[in-house]
Protein backbone atom coordinates (compact mmCIF):
# COMPACT_ATOMS: atom_id res chain seq x y z
CA MET A 1 9.15 -27.23 -16.75
CA THR A 2 8.75 -23.94 -14.90
CA PRO A 3 8.95 -24.37 -11.10
CA THR A 4 5.77 -23.37 -9.28
CA PRO A 5 5.30 -22.17 -5.71
CA ASP A 6 3.85 -24.54 -3.12
CA SER A 7 0.07 -24.79 -2.78
CA GLN A 8 0.05 -22.95 0.54
CA PHE A 9 1.73 -20.00 -1.18
CA ILE A 10 -1.07 -19.88 -3.77
CA GLU A 11 -3.85 -20.23 -1.19
CA THR A 12 -2.37 -17.54 1.04
CA ALA A 13 -2.00 -15.16 -1.90
CA ALA A 14 -5.73 -15.53 -2.65
CA GLU A 15 -6.60 -14.85 0.99
CA PHE A 16 -4.20 -11.90 0.96
CA ALA A 17 -6.12 -10.39 -1.96
CA ASP A 18 -9.40 -10.76 -0.04
CA HIS A 19 -7.77 -9.11 2.97
CA LEU A 20 -6.64 -6.14 0.87
CA ARG A 21 -10.13 -5.67 -0.56
CA ALA A 22 -12.26 -6.25 2.51
CA GLU A 23 -10.16 -5.12 5.47
CA ARG A 24 -7.88 -2.51 3.97
CA GLY A 25 -10.40 -1.24 1.42
CA LEU A 26 -7.91 -1.00 -1.43
CA ALA A 27 -9.09 -0.37 -4.96
CA GLU A 28 -9.13 -3.31 -7.35
CA HIS A 29 -6.27 -2.01 -9.49
CA THR A 30 -4.15 -1.63 -6.34
CA VAL A 31 -4.98 -5.18 -5.26
CA ASP A 32 -4.03 -6.41 -8.76
CA ALA A 33 -0.69 -4.61 -8.52
CA TYR A 34 0.03 -6.22 -5.13
CA LEU A 35 -0.87 -9.64 -6.47
CA ARG A 36 1.36 -9.28 -9.54
CA ASP A 37 4.30 -8.48 -7.29
CA VAL A 38 3.47 -11.31 -4.86
CA ARG A 39 3.16 -13.82 -7.70
CA GLN A 40 6.53 -12.75 -9.05
CA PHE A 41 8.03 -13.26 -5.60
CA ALA A 42 6.27 -16.64 -5.32
CA ALA A 43 7.64 -17.74 -8.69
CA PHE A 44 11.16 -16.87 -7.57
CA MET A 45 10.69 -18.91 -4.40
CA GLY A 46 9.42 -21.76 -6.62
CA GLU A 47 12.69 -21.64 -8.56
CA ARG A 48 14.56 -21.99 -5.28
CA ALA A 49 12.19 -24.76 -4.09
CA VAL A 50 11.46 -22.76 -0.95
CA SER A 51 8.03 -23.06 0.66
CA LEU A 52 6.17 -20.12 2.18
CA ALA A 53 6.82 -21.40 5.69
CA GLU A 54 10.58 -21.72 5.05
CA ILE A 55 11.35 -18.33 3.50
CA ALA A 56 14.33 -16.78 5.29
CA ALA A 57 16.14 -13.46 5.07
CA GLY A 58 18.66 -14.86 2.58
CA ASP A 59 15.85 -15.79 0.19
CA VAL A 60 14.45 -12.28 0.28
CA PHE A 61 17.91 -10.76 -0.26
CA ALA A 62 18.41 -13.06 -3.25
CA TYR A 63 15.08 -11.85 -4.65
CA GLN A 64 16.16 -8.23 -4.18
CA ALA A 65 19.44 -9.00 -5.97
CA ARG A 66 17.47 -10.51 -8.87
CA LEU A 67 15.41 -7.33 -9.17
CA GLN A 68 18.52 -5.17 -9.12
CA ARG A 69 20.22 -7.29 -11.80
CA ARG A 70 17.21 -6.61 -14.00
CA ARG A 71 18.10 -2.90 -13.71
CA LEU A 72 14.63 -1.95 -12.58
CA ALA A 73 14.01 1.58 -11.38
CA PRO A 74 14.56 2.06 -7.62
CA ALA A 75 10.89 3.02 -7.22
CA THR A 76 9.81 -0.25 -8.89
CA ILE A 77 12.11 -2.33 -6.69
CA ALA A 78 10.86 -0.50 -3.61
CA ARG A 79 7.24 -1.20 -4.59
CA LYS A 80 7.89 -4.92 -5.15
CA LEU A 81 9.73 -5.26 -1.83
CA THR A 82 6.90 -3.46 -0.04
CA ALA A 83 4.39 -5.93 -1.51
CA THR A 84 6.65 -8.79 -0.37
CA ARG A 85 6.94 -7.44 3.17
CA VAL A 86 3.19 -6.82 3.53
CA PHE A 87 2.42 -10.30 2.17
CA LEU A 88 4.85 -12.08 4.50
CA ALA A 89 3.49 -10.11 7.46
CA PHE A 90 -0.02 -11.24 6.51
CA ALA A 91 1.15 -14.88 6.22
CA TYR A 92 2.73 -14.65 9.69
CA ARG A 93 -0.47 -13.27 11.24
CA GLU A 94 -2.43 -16.06 9.60
CA GLN A 95 0.01 -18.60 11.09
CA ARG A 96 1.27 -19.74 7.69
CA ARG A 97 4.78 -18.90 8.88
CA ARG A 98 6.43 -19.36 12.25
CA GLN A 99 8.76 -16.40 11.76
CA PRO A 100 7.85 -12.74 11.18
CA PRO A 101 8.98 -11.24 7.88
CA PRO A 102 12.72 -10.53 7.73
CA ASP A 103 13.90 -6.95 7.66
CA ILE A 104 13.80 -5.77 4.06
CA GLU A 105 15.91 -2.74 3.27
CA ARG A 106 14.33 -0.95 0.36
CA PRO A 107 16.52 1.10 -1.99
CA ARG A 108 16.68 4.76 -1.10
CA LEU A 109 14.67 6.85 -3.49
CA PRO A 110 16.02 10.22 -4.59
CA ARG A 111 14.02 13.03 -3.04
CA PRO A 112 12.65 15.24 -5.82
CA LEU A 113 13.64 18.84 -5.36
CA PRO A 114 10.67 21.15 -4.91
CA HIS A 115 10.18 23.86 -7.47
CA ALA A 116 11.48 27.28 -6.41
CA LEU A 117 9.78 30.38 -7.75
CA THR A 118 11.83 33.18 -9.22
CA ARG A 119 11.80 36.48 -7.37
CA PRO A 120 9.46 38.14 -9.92
CA GLU A 121 7.11 35.15 -9.61
CA VAL A 122 7.09 35.52 -5.83
CA GLU A 123 6.28 39.22 -6.19
CA ARG A 124 3.34 38.45 -8.49
CA LEU A 125 2.05 35.79 -6.12
CA LEU A 126 2.29 38.03 -3.06
CA ALA A 127 0.43 40.80 -4.89
CA ALA A 128 -2.47 38.53 -5.94
CA PRO A 129 -4.75 38.85 -2.84
CA ASP A 130 -7.32 41.67 -2.92
CA VAL A 131 -6.25 43.63 0.16
CA ARG A 132 -9.45 45.70 0.04
CA GLU A 133 -11.18 42.69 1.63
CA PRO A 134 -10.41 41.38 5.15
CA GLU A 135 -9.63 37.88 3.83
CA GLY A 136 -7.37 39.32 1.15
CA LEU A 137 -5.52 41.40 3.70
CA ARG A 138 -5.15 38.33 5.90
CA ASP A 139 -3.88 36.26 2.99
CA ARG A 140 -1.39 38.90 1.92
CA ALA A 141 0.06 39.04 5.45
CA MET A 142 0.07 35.25 5.68
CA LEU A 143 1.86 34.76 2.35
CA GLU A 144 4.40 37.40 3.31
CA VAL A 145 5.13 35.52 6.54
CA LEU A 146 5.35 32.16 4.75
CA TYR A 147 7.92 33.51 2.31
CA SER A 148 9.74 35.87 4.66
CA ALA A 149 10.28 33.30 7.42
CA GLY A 150 10.21 30.05 5.42
CA LEU A 151 7.54 28.54 7.67
CA ARG A 152 5.77 25.25 7.15
CA VAL A 153 2.02 25.53 6.57
CA SER A 154 1.37 23.82 9.91
CA GLU A 155 3.54 26.43 11.60
CA VAL A 156 1.84 29.43 10.04
CA VAL A 157 -1.70 28.23 10.83
CA GLY A 158 -0.56 27.52 14.39
CA LEU A 159 0.77 31.03 14.99
CA GLN A 160 -0.74 32.87 17.92
CA ALA A 161 -1.02 36.64 18.05
CA GLY A 162 1.46 36.63 20.93
CA ASP A 163 4.08 34.84 18.84
CA LEU A 164 4.99 38.05 17.01
CA ARG A 165 7.59 40.54 18.14
CA LEU A 166 7.09 43.04 15.37
CA ASP A 167 9.23 45.76 16.95
CA ASP A 168 12.13 43.29 16.76
CA ALA A 169 10.97 41.84 13.41
CA LEU A 170 10.82 38.30 14.87
CA VAL A 171 8.29 35.48 14.94
CA ARG A 172 8.25 32.44 17.25
CA CYS A 173 6.90 29.24 15.73
CA ARG A 174 6.49 25.63 16.78
CA GLY A 175 7.95 23.10 14.38
CA LYS A 176 8.06 19.33 14.21
CA GLY A 177 8.06 17.62 17.57
CA GLY A 178 6.87 20.81 19.24
CA LYS A 179 10.31 22.39 18.96
CA GLU A 180 10.23 26.17 19.07
CA ARG A 181 12.43 28.50 17.09
CA VAL A 182 12.57 32.23 16.50
CA VAL A 183 12.89 33.43 12.91
CA PRO A 184 13.48 36.96 11.54
CA LEU A 185 10.80 38.69 9.49
CA GLY A 186 11.48 41.04 6.61
CA ARG A 187 10.24 44.62 6.59
CA PRO A 188 7.44 44.02 4.06
CA ALA A 189 6.12 41.09 6.12
CA VAL A 190 6.18 43.21 9.29
CA ALA A 191 4.32 46.03 7.53
CA TRP A 192 1.59 43.74 6.12
CA VAL A 193 1.09 41.94 9.43
CA ARG A 194 0.72 45.31 11.20
CA ARG A 195 -1.91 46.38 8.67
CA TYR A 196 -3.72 43.04 8.96
CA GLN A 197 -3.77 43.28 12.75
CA ALA A 198 -5.10 46.85 12.61
CA GLU A 199 -7.71 46.37 9.86
CA GLY A 200 -8.26 42.81 8.66
CA ARG A 201 -8.23 40.75 11.84
CA PRO A 202 -10.73 42.96 13.75
CA ALA A 203 -13.08 42.87 10.74
CA LEU A 204 -12.92 39.07 10.65
CA LEU A 205 -13.33 38.59 14.41
CA ARG A 206 -16.10 41.20 14.84
CA ARG A 207 -15.40 41.63 18.57
CA ARG A 208 -14.95 37.90 19.17
CA GLN A 209 -11.86 36.68 20.98
CA SER A 210 -9.26 34.39 19.43
CA GLY A 211 -5.65 33.65 20.21
CA ALA A 212 -4.91 32.62 16.61
CA LEU A 213 -3.12 35.13 14.44
CA PHE A 214 -4.70 34.23 11.10
CA VAL A 215 -8.45 33.74 11.50
CA THR A 216 -11.58 33.13 9.45
CA ARG A 217 -14.88 35.05 9.53
CA ARG A 218 -16.08 32.50 12.08
CA GLY A 219 -13.29 33.50 14.43
CA ALA A 220 -11.45 30.17 14.11
CA ALA A 221 -7.84 29.68 13.12
CA ILE A 222 -7.45 29.28 9.38
CA SER A 223 -6.98 25.64 8.35
CA ARG A 224 -4.17 24.10 6.33
CA GLN A 225 -6.66 23.06 3.65
CA THR A 226 -7.86 26.66 3.27
CA VAL A 227 -4.29 27.90 2.93
CA TRP A 228 -3.57 25.35 0.19
CA ARG A 229 -6.79 26.15 -1.68
CA ARG A 230 -6.40 29.92 -1.57
CA LEU A 231 -2.73 29.71 -2.50
CA ARG A 232 -3.60 27.68 -5.61
CA ASN A 233 -6.15 30.32 -6.60
CA TYR A 234 -3.62 33.12 -6.14
CA ALA A 235 -1.06 31.19 -8.19
CA ARG A 236 -3.53 30.99 -11.06
CA GLN A 237 -4.28 34.70 -10.76
CA ALA A 238 -0.55 35.39 -10.89
CA GLY A 239 -0.19 33.36 -14.08
CA LEU A 240 1.99 30.67 -12.50
CA GLU A 241 1.67 27.42 -14.39
CA GLU A 242 3.67 25.25 -11.96
CA MET A 243 1.94 23.68 -8.97
CA VAL A 244 2.40 26.13 -6.10
CA THR A 245 2.04 24.94 -2.51
CA PRO A 246 3.02 26.44 0.85
CA HIS A 247 6.19 24.36 0.62
CA THR A 248 7.01 26.11 -2.65
CA LEU A 249 7.33 29.38 -0.74
CA ARG A 250 9.42 27.67 1.95
CA HIS A 251 11.78 26.27 -0.67
CA SER A 252 11.91 29.60 -2.50
CA PHE A 253 12.83 31.29 0.80
CA ALA A 254 15.79 28.93 1.27
CA THR A 255 16.89 29.04 -2.35
CA HIS A 256 16.85 32.85 -2.51
CA LEU A 257 18.78 33.12 0.76
CA LEU A 258 21.46 30.74 -0.51
CA ALA A 259 21.68 32.52 -3.85
CA GLY A 260 22.13 35.80 -1.95
CA GLY A 261 25.12 34.43 -0.06
CA ALA A 262 23.62 33.02 3.17
CA ASP A 263 25.41 30.00 4.65
CA LEU A 264 23.71 26.63 4.99
CA ARG A 265 23.99 26.56 8.78
CA SER A 266 22.00 29.77 9.12
CA ILE A 267 19.38 28.53 6.68
CA GLN A 268 19.21 25.26 8.61
CA GLU A 269 18.44 27.16 11.81
CA MET A 270 15.74 29.27 10.16
CA LEU A 271 14.08 26.26 8.53
CA GLY A 272 14.22 24.27 11.77
CA HIS A 273 16.00 21.25 10.29
CA ALA A 274 17.64 18.85 12.73
CA ASP A 275 20.01 17.58 10.01
CA ILE A 276 21.82 19.86 7.60
CA ALA A 277 21.55 17.14 4.94
CA THR A 278 17.84 17.93 4.82
CA THR A 279 18.63 21.60 4.23
CA GLU A 280 20.89 20.70 1.33
CA THR A 281 18.01 19.00 -0.50
CA TYR A 282 15.92 22.17 -0.16
CA THR A 283 18.56 24.57 -1.33
CA HIS A 284 19.82 23.78 -4.79
CA VAL A 285 21.09 26.83 -6.66
CA ASP A 286 21.00 27.62 -10.33
CA GLU A 287 23.98 27.34 -12.64
CA ASP A 288 24.25 31.11 -13.08
CA HIS A 289 24.79 31.58 -9.35
CA LEU A 290 27.41 28.83 -9.26
CA SER A 291 29.21 30.45 -12.18
CA ARG A 292 29.20 33.84 -10.41
CA VAL A 293 30.61 32.30 -7.24
CA PHE A 294 33.31 30.52 -9.24
CA ARG A 295 34.33 33.67 -11.10
CA GLU A 296 34.41 35.70 -7.88
CA PHE A 297 36.35 33.34 -5.64
CA HIS A 298 38.40 30.86 -7.69
CA PRO A 299 41.99 32.07 -8.27
CA ARG A 300 42.10 30.54 -11.76
CA SER A 301 38.63 31.57 -12.93
C-alpha cells in the first residue's frame, strides 16, 4: 500500500492553491505546476511517515537527495525545491507549522553566456539608424556609446550631458548601487556624440532644457523600453537573426576586448563588476583566438 500524506497536508495544499490563484494571481497552469511539485513532496513525506507539522531540515535534505539520485536537471530540482519552500512558508503563516521553513539550498544553475556579435555584425547594427533624422542620429550615438564603453542600458539612459568629457574621450556613468566609474570612449563614439549634440539633440529639445544626454522629442530622457524596442528594429534591419539586446552590445564589447589582448582586470574595471568571476562569464573567447594565443606563447606549440 502506498503511504499517503497526513490529512492536514492535503487540506493545506488545497488552501495553498487557492492562495496562489486569488492572492498571488498566478495563472492556472502555474498553479498546477506548483501543486504537482507539492504533491510529490507530500508523497515523499508520507513514505517517511512525517506530518506537515513535523517536517524538519533533515527531511527536506533527504527529499533533495532523492531528486538528485533521479538525475533530474538542476533547473527541475531548483523548481521543485522552490515550490517546497513557498508551500512550507505558507503553512507556517497559516499556523499549520510551528517552525518556519528550513533553509533550502537550491542547486546552482549555470549562467547561460550571452551571444556576442561578430565585428562585422556590430558594424551593420551601428550603421542601421537613419542619421538624417534627429532620432536616428541620437540612436547612432547611443549605440556607439553602448558598444564603445560596454554600458548597461540603465547606465546609458541615465547619462547626463555633463557626464561626457569628449576632449579626453571619457564618460562617467553610475552603475549598480550608485557606484560611479569612468570609462574610455572610442574615436567613432566621440565623433557621433559630438554630431548628435550639435545637430540631433537641439532638434529634439527645440529650445527646451534637459540634463539628460539622450532625449526624446518631448524633451524627456529616453527610456529603457524605447532603447530595447529600437535596438530590436535596427537588428532586423541589419539582418541579424539572433535576439539582440543592449546587453548583447555590452557582452560584445567585453568579448572583443579580450580577443584583442586586453586583460580581465581591465575589462572588469570598465564593466563595473565587483567580482572578477562575473567578468569571466561575460568574456568567453572563440576557439580560433585560443589557438592563436597557444601558437604564439606556448614553447611547444
